[in-house]
N, C-alpha and C. Protein backbone atom coordinates (compact mmCIF):
# COMPACT_ATOMS: atom_id res chain seq x y z
N MET A 1 117.69 97.11 94.59
CA MET A 1 115.97 97.37 95.40
C MET A 1 115.77 95.85 96.21
N PHE A 2 115.29 95.63 97.43
CA PHE A 2 114.87 94.51 98.18
C PHE A 2 115.83 93.21 97.73
N GLY A 3 117.33 93.38 97.52
CA GLY A 3 117.97 92.32 97.68
C GLY A 3 118.20 91.74 96.04
N GLY A 4 117.91 92.68 95.29
CA GLY A 4 117.80 92.56 93.52
C GLY A 4 116.20 92.18 93.28
N ALA A 5 115.49 92.09 94.07
CA ALA A 5 114.12 91.54 93.38
C ALA A 5 113.40 93.22 93.03
N LYS A 6 112.78 93.11 92.18
CA LYS A 6 111.70 94.19 91.70
C LYS A 6 110.24 94.13 92.12
N ILE A 7 109.51 95.12 92.31
CA ILE A 7 108.18 94.85 92.33
C ILE A 7 107.71 96.06 91.49
N LYS A 8 106.44 95.89 91.08
CA LYS A 8 105.68 97.17 90.48
C LYS A 8 104.84 97.63 91.33
N ILE A 9 104.79 99.27 91.38
CA ILE A 9 103.96 100.12 92.10
C ILE A 9 103.46 101.06 91.13
N ASN A 10 102.18 101.54 91.50
CA ASN A 10 101.78 102.49 90.41
C ASN A 10 102.51 104.08 91.13
N LYS A 11 102.58 104.52 89.99
CA LYS A 11 103.18 106.14 90.35
C LYS A 11 102.50 106.92 91.57
N GLN A 12 101.39 106.92 91.35
CA GLN A 12 100.83 107.82 92.81
C GLN A 12 101.32 107.03 94.07
N LEU A 13 101.16 105.88 93.90
CA LEU A 13 101.44 105.35 95.52
C LEU A 13 102.88 105.30 95.66
N LEU A 14 103.66 105.38 94.55
CA LEU A 14 105.35 105.57 94.90
C LEU A 14 105.46 106.98 95.15
N GLU A 15 104.69 107.67 94.56
CA GLU A 15 105.05 109.42 95.46
C GLU A 15 104.40 109.60 96.42
N ARG A 16 103.50 109.00 97.43
CA ARG A 16 103.05 109.14 98.46
C ARG A 16 104.18 108.45 99.38
N VAL A 17 104.65 107.13 98.96
CA VAL A 17 105.64 106.45 99.48
C VAL A 17 106.68 107.15 99.64
N LYS A 18 107.26 107.83 98.74
CA LYS A 18 108.47 108.72 98.89
C LYS A 18 108.04 109.81 99.83
N LYS A 19 106.97 110.39 99.90
CA LYS A 19 106.68 111.59 100.88
C LYS A 19 106.68 111.29 101.99
N TYR A 20 106.27 110.20 102.70
CA TYR A 20 105.89 109.88 103.72
C TYR A 20 107.60 108.98 104.51
N ALA A 21 108.10 108.61 103.58
CA ALA A 21 109.48 108.00 103.92
C ALA A 21 110.53 109.15 104.19
N GLU A 22 110.08 110.26 103.61
CA GLU A 22 111.12 111.12 103.95
C GLU A 22 110.78 112.01 105.24
N LEU A 23 109.21 112.17 105.23
CA LEU A 23 108.92 112.73 106.32
C LEU A 23 109.03 111.88 108.03
N ALA A 24 109.27 110.70 107.23
CA ALA A 24 109.16 109.78 108.68
C ALA A 24 110.78 109.46 108.93
N GLY A 25 111.69 110.02 108.40
CA GLY A 25 112.81 109.84 108.67
C GLY A 25 113.88 108.61 108.08
N PHE A 26 113.06 107.83 107.12
CA PHE A 26 113.93 106.73 106.54
C PHE A 26 114.72 107.38 105.48
N SER A 27 116.01 106.48 105.58
CA SER A 27 116.88 106.71 104.28
C SER A 27 116.68 106.66 103.18
N SER A 28 115.49 105.91 102.84
CA SER A 28 115.33 105.54 101.40
C SER A 28 113.72 104.98 101.60
N VAL A 29 113.36 104.98 100.26
CA VAL A 29 111.75 104.17 99.95
C VAL A 29 111.95 102.98 100.18
N ASP A 30 113.02 102.18 99.80
CA ASP A 30 113.37 100.73 100.15
C ASP A 30 113.25 100.46 101.78
N GLU A 31 113.93 101.32 102.45
CA GLU A 31 114.01 101.05 104.10
C GLU A 31 112.50 101.17 104.48
N PHE A 32 111.77 102.30 103.98
CA PHE A 32 110.70 102.39 104.45
C PHE A 32 109.36 101.39 103.86
N VAL A 33 109.77 101.03 102.52
CA VAL A 33 108.53 99.86 102.29
C VAL A 33 108.79 98.49 102.95
N GLU A 34 110.43 98.31 103.30
CA GLU A 34 110.55 96.98 104.01
C GLU A 34 110.07 97.30 105.48
N TYR A 35 109.93 98.41 106.07
CA TYR A 35 109.56 98.42 107.45
C TYR A 35 107.76 98.06 107.27
N ALA A 36 107.25 98.82 106.33
CA ALA A 36 105.66 98.42 106.24
C ALA A 36 105.55 97.35 105.95
N LEU A 37 105.90 96.43 105.16
CA LEU A 37 105.85 95.10 105.15
C LEU A 37 106.12 94.16 106.18
N GLU A 38 107.04 94.40 106.84
CA GLU A 38 107.68 93.99 108.04
C GLU A 38 106.36 94.05 108.89
N LYS A 39 105.88 95.32 109.26
CA LYS A 39 104.92 95.49 109.98
C LYS A 39 103.74 94.73 109.82
N GLU A 40 103.15 94.79 108.48
CA GLU A 40 102.15 94.14 108.07
C GLU A 40 101.89 92.80 108.46
N LEU A 41 103.40 91.82 108.15
CA LEU A 41 103.27 90.61 108.09
C LEU A 41 103.55 90.31 109.77
N SER A 42 103.79 91.00 110.41
CA SER A 42 104.02 90.51 112.14
C SER A 42 102.45 90.63 112.28
N LYS A 43 101.59 91.20 111.85
CA LYS A 43 100.00 91.10 112.19
C LYS A 43 99.53 89.50 111.84
N LEU A 44 100.37 89.04 110.79
CA LEU A 44 100.14 87.46 110.48
C LEU A 44 100.58 86.50 111.59
N SER A 45 101.86 87.04 112.01
CA SER A 45 102.61 85.88 112.54
C SER A 45 101.71 85.39 113.81
N GLY A 46 102.04 84.21 114.01
CA GLY A 46 101.32 83.54 115.33
C GLY A 46 100.41 82.79 114.78
N SER A 47 99.82 82.79 113.76
CA SER A 47 98.52 82.03 112.97
C SER A 47 99.16 80.65 112.87
N ASP A 48 98.49 79.70 113.19
CA ASP A 48 98.89 78.26 113.17
C ASP A 48 98.22 77.74 111.94
N SER A 49 97.28 78.42 111.11
CA SER A 49 96.74 77.58 109.84
C SER A 49 96.47 78.56 109.01
N GLU A 50 96.67 77.82 107.63
CA GLU A 50 96.48 78.61 106.53
C GLU A 50 95.02 79.26 106.63
N GLU A 51 94.00 78.66 107.24
CA GLU A 51 92.74 79.25 107.15
C GLU A 51 92.88 80.50 108.11
N GLU A 52 93.51 80.51 109.09
CA GLU A 52 93.91 81.56 110.12
C GLU A 52 94.07 82.93 109.23
N ILE A 53 95.43 82.66 108.47
CA ILE A 53 96.01 83.41 107.86
C ILE A 53 95.07 83.99 106.74
N LYS A 54 94.43 83.45 106.05
CA LYS A 54 93.50 83.80 105.12
C LYS A 54 92.23 84.66 105.82
N LYS A 55 91.84 84.07 106.77
CA LYS A 55 90.75 85.10 107.89
C LYS A 55 91.63 86.31 107.92
N LYS A 56 92.76 86.38 108.37
CA LYS A 56 93.43 87.83 108.91
C LYS A 56 93.51 88.31 107.57
N LEU A 57 93.95 88.05 106.44
CA LEU A 57 93.85 88.90 105.19
C LEU A 57 92.89 89.43 104.76
N LYS A 58 91.51 88.91 104.78
CA LYS A 58 90.26 89.22 104.63
C LYS A 58 89.92 90.33 105.76
N GLY A 59 90.34 90.10 106.82
CA GLY A 59 89.91 91.01 107.88
C GLY A 59 91.00 92.61 107.45
N LEU A 60 91.82 92.32 107.04
CA LEU A 60 92.73 93.49 106.49
C LEU A 60 92.41 94.00 105.26
N GLY A 61 91.41 93.42 104.61
CA GLY A 61 91.15 94.14 103.08
C GLY A 61 92.12 93.42 102.02
N TYR A 62 92.92 92.77 102.21
CA TYR A 62 93.77 92.14 101.12
C TYR A 62 93.25 91.43 100.03
N ILE A 63 92.54 90.43 100.76
CA ILE A 63 91.63 89.30 99.74
C ILE A 63 90.28 89.24 100.27
N SER A 64 89.56 88.89 98.97
CA SER A 64 87.87 89.10 99.31
C SER A 64 87.52 87.45 99.45
């Protein structure tokens, strides 16, 4: 998984990810998670400063 790296994810979220990965036609949960992370990270690209990145993360609800 993820080039040998492991992450922890709660069971309920994992079940949702499995469901949507299958419905969306992804070949694996890993592929779906990688796609979702890339999509979210692309929202942050182009930021010039750490402060801008923090502002975007707050706007997305990831940090407070």
